[in-house]
């Protein structure tokens, strides 16, 4: 899970997209399509260069988007990308996707949590952690498991704007700061 601070503009576009698709009751469908769009951009450096290049006209960028995506994604998503190009806000697209996913999760009472551990956890430990998190956060948890050997022991949880760090690494860092003050 990437830690992104969403701009007010991204939040507004994400909210508008959510409202425009709300009657369709297909959040999962739109999230999958947004992931596919994001995948296309992550796999093509050339496309990113063109979309961020101010010397390429908005009309040419829209033409490129239509050539790549027309008939392959929902028309509302293509229209959103066109609007972003016209308003010179295409750089906000990734943040808008993140905002849309957050709104979707909130609507569905879900929460994505990045769970970082120093070792790969087995099924039993993952299940125990998820059970406790769901009880504590009162949401269905969508886990993103990550291994970071530098933690030594303990876990780090990242969700929304929170980071809960129970790792030995963090405790040692706190101890070091305390000793340096004294």
Protein backbone atom coordinates (compact mmCIF):
# COMPACT_ATOMS: atom_id res chain seq x y z
CA UNK A 1 0.00 0.00 0.00
CA UNK A 2 1.52 3.27 -1.00
CA UNK A 3 1.23 6.03 1.53
CA UNK A 4 -0.27 8.89 -0.43
CA UNK A 5 -1.58 12.13 0.89
CA UNK A 6 -4.52 12.95 -1.32
CA UNK A 7 -5.04 16.50 -2.50
CA UNK A 8 -8.44 18.11 -2.18
CA UNK A 9 -8.66 17.99 -5.97
CA UNK A 10 -8.06 14.22 -6.04
CA UNK A 11 -10.63 13.69 -3.31
CA UNK A 12 -13.19 15.76 -5.22
CA UNK A 13 -12.65 13.83 -8.45
CA UNK A 14 -12.77 10.51 -6.57
CA UNK A 15 -16.01 11.55 -4.90
CA UNK A 16 -17.49 12.64 -8.23
CA UNK A 17 -16.52 9.30 -9.78
CA UNK A 18 -18.09 7.46 -6.84
CA UNK A 19 -21.30 9.46 -7.20
CA UNK A 20 -21.44 8.91 -10.96
CA UNK A 21 -21.09 5.14 -10.52
CA UNK A 22 -23.13 4.70 -7.32
CA UNK A 23 -26.38 3.68 -8.99
CA UNK A 24 -24.59 0.88 -10.82
CA UNK A 25 -23.61 -0.99 -7.63
CA UNK A 26 -20.45 -2.21 -9.31
CA UNK A 27 -17.66 -0.81 -7.16
CA UNK A 28 -15.54 -3.94 -7.56
CA UNK A 29 -15.91 -3.72 -11.34
CA UNK A 30 -14.71 -0.11 -11.40
CA UNK A 31 -11.83 -0.83 -9.00
CA UNK A 32 -10.66 -3.67 -11.27
CA UNK A 33 -10.87 -1.43 -14.33
CA UNK A 34 -8.95 1.33 -12.55
CA UNK A 35 -6.29 -1.22 -11.59
CA UNK A 36 -6.03 -2.31 -15.24
CA UNK A 37 -5.66 1.31 -16.37
CA UNK A 38 -3.01 1.86 -13.73
CA UNK A 39 -1.21 -1.29 -14.87
CA UNK A 40 -1.09 0.00 -18.46
CA UNK A 41 0.50 3.24 -17.27
CA UNK A 42 2.98 1.48 -14.98
CA UNK A 43 4.13 -0.72 -17.86
CA UNK A 44 4.64 2.07 -20.39
CA UNK A 45 7.20 4.74 -19.61
CA UNK A 46 6.58 6.26 -23.05
CA UNK A 47 2.89 6.73 -22.31
CA UNK A 48 3.71 8.44 -19.02
CA UNK A 49 6.17 10.76 -20.75
CA UNK A 50 3.59 11.75 -23.36
CA UNK A 51 0.83 12.29 -20.78
CA UNK A 52 3.04 14.51 -18.63
CA UNK A 53 4.57 16.43 -21.53
CA UNK A 54 3.09 19.93 -21.74
CA UNK A 55 4.20 20.31 -25.37
CA UNK A 56 1.81 17.52 -26.44
CA UNK A 57 -1.64 18.99 -27.06
CA UNK A 58 -4.64 17.94 -24.99
CA UNK A 59 -6.35 16.77 -28.20
CA UNK A 60 -3.42 14.49 -29.06
CA UNK A 61 -3.38 13.06 -25.50
CA UNK A 62 -7.12 12.37 -25.69
CA UNK A 63 -6.66 10.73 -29.08
CA UNK A 64 -3.96 8.46 -27.58
CA UNK A 65 -6.20 7.56 -24.61
CA UNK A 66 -9.07 6.69 -26.94
CA UNK A 67 -6.80 4.58 -29.12
CA UNK A 68 -5.59 2.59 -26.10
CA UNK A 69 -8.74 2.35 -23.98
CA UNK A 70 -11.89 2.91 -26.10
CA UNK A 71 -14.10 -0.16 -25.98
CA UNK A 72 -11.85 -1.79 -23.35
CA UNK A 73 -12.91 0.16 -20.27
CA UNK A 74 -16.11 1.72 -19.02
CA UNK A 75 -16.95 4.95 -20.84
CA UNK A 76 -17.16 6.86 -17.54
CA UNK A 77 -13.54 6.06 -16.78
CA UNK A 78 -12.41 7.09 -20.24
CA UNK A 79 -14.38 10.32 -19.87
CA UNK A 80 -12.73 10.96 -16.51
CA UNK A 81 -9.29 10.62 -18.09
CA UNK A 82 -10.33 12.98 -20.90
CA UNK A 83 -11.54 15.58 -18.40
CA UNK A 84 -8.29 15.31 -16.47
CA UNK A 85 -6.33 15.91 -19.67
CA UNK A 86 -8.52 18.88 -20.62
CA UNK A 87 -8.15 20.42 -17.15
CA UNK A 88 -4.40 19.69 -17.14
CA UNK A 89 -4.84 17.46 -14.07
CA UNK A 90 -3.83 14.06 -15.41
CA UNK A 91 -1.00 13.95 -12.88
CA UNK A 92 -3.68 13.48 -10.21
CA UNK A 93 -4.98 10.25 -11.75
CA UNK A 94 -3.15 7.84 -9.40
CA UNK A 95 -4.33 9.81 -6.37
CA UNK A 96 -7.89 9.78 -7.71
CA UNK A 97 -7.70 5.98 -8.00
CA UNK A 98 -6.48 5.79 -4.40
CA UNK A 99 -9.27 8.11 -3.28
CA UNK A 100 -11.90 6.10 -5.14
CA UNK A 101 -10.67 2.88 -3.53
CA UNK A 102 -10.80 4.50 -0.09
CA UNK A 103 -14.38 5.67 -0.68
CA UNK A 104 -15.33 2.22 -1.94
CA UNK A 105 -13.83 0.55 1.11
CA UNK A 106 -15.60 2.97 3.44
CA UNK A 107 -18.91 2.32 1.71
CA UNK A 108 -18.37 -1.44 1.99
CA UNK A 109 -17.09 -1.24 5.60
CA UNK A 110 -13.64 -2.45 4.54
CA UNK A 111 -10.20 -1.14 5.37
CA UNK A 112 -6.92 -1.86 3.60
CA UNK A 113 -4.12 -2.39 6.11
CA UNK A 114 -0.49 -2.90 5.22
CA UNK A 115 0.91 -5.37 7.74
CA UNK A 116 4.69 -5.48 7.87
CA UNK A 117 6.51 -8.29 9.68
CA UNK A 118 10.18 -9.32 9.93
CA UNK A 119 9.40 -12.81 8.60
CA UNK A 120 6.81 -14.44 6.36
CA UNK A 121 3.85 -15.28 8.60
CA UNK A 122 2.04 -18.60 8.41
CA UNK A 123 -1.70 -18.91 7.82
CA UNK A 124 -2.52 -19.36 11.53
CA UNK A 125 -0.69 -16.18 12.59
CA UNK A 126 -2.18 -14.18 9.73
CA UNK A 127 -5.66 -15.35 10.73
CA UNK A 128 -5.10 -14.36 14.38
CA UNK A 129 -3.83 -10.92 13.38
CA UNK A 130 -6.75 -10.33 11.01
CA UNK A 131 -9.27 -11.41 13.65
CA UNK A 132 -7.83 -8.96 16.20
CA UNK A 133 -7.62 -6.14 13.67
CA UNK A 134 -11.19 -6.62 12.50
CA UNK A 135 -12.39 -6.61 16.11
CA UNK A 136 -10.35 -3.49 16.95
CA UNK A 137 -11.12 -1.48 13.79
CA UNK A 138 -14.70 -2.75 13.38
CA UNK A 139 -14.10 -3.23 9.65
CA UNK A 140 -13.43 -6.09 7.31
CA UNK A 141 -9.68 -6.00 6.77
CA UNK A 142 -8.11 -6.19 3.32
CA UNK A 143 -4.53 -7.12 4.22
CA UNK A 144 -1.40 -6.28 2.27
CA UNK A 145 1.37 -8.44 3.76
CA UNK A 146 4.96 -7.22 3.55
CA UNK A 147 8.22 -8.58 4.95
CA UNK A 148 10.89 -6.22 6.29
CA UNK A 149 13.75 -8.09 7.96
CA UNK A 150 15.07 -4.88 9.54
CA UNK A 151 12.15 -4.87 12.02
CA UNK A 152 13.86 -7.62 14.09
CA UNK A 153 10.55 -8.60 15.75
CA UNK A 154 7.04 -7.20 16.09
CA UNK A 155 4.68 -5.77 13.50
CA UNK A 156 3.91 -2.48 11.78
CA UNK A 157 0.35 -1.62 10.70
CA UNK A 158 -0.35 1.13 8.16
CA UNK A 159 -3.87 2.28 7.33
CA UNK A 160 -5.52 5.58 6.53
CA UNK A 161 -3.22 8.19 8.07
CA UNK A 162 -2.04 5.89 10.88
CA UNK A 163 1.13 3.92 11.48
CA UNK A 164 1.16 1.61 14.49
CA UNK A 165 4.70 0.37 15.00
CA UNK A 166 5.16 -2.42 17.56
CA UNK A 167 8.52 -3.51 16.17
CA UNK A 168 11.69 -3.95 18.19
CA UNK A 169 13.41 -1.65 15.70
CA UNK A 170 11.03 1.21 16.67
CA UNK A 171 11.45 0.51 20.39
CA UNK A 172 15.25 0.58 20.02
CA UNK A 173 15.00 3.86 18.10
CA UNK A 174 12.83 5.36 20.87
CA UNK A 175 15.35 4.19 23.47
CA UNK A 176 18.21 5.72 21.48
CA UNK A 177 16.39 9.08 21.29
CA UNK A 178 15.67 8.99 25.02
CA UNK A 179 19.31 8.27 25.87
CA UNK A 180 20.52 11.02 23.54
CA UNK A 181 18.28 13.57 25.29
CA UNK A 182 19.54 12.65 28.77
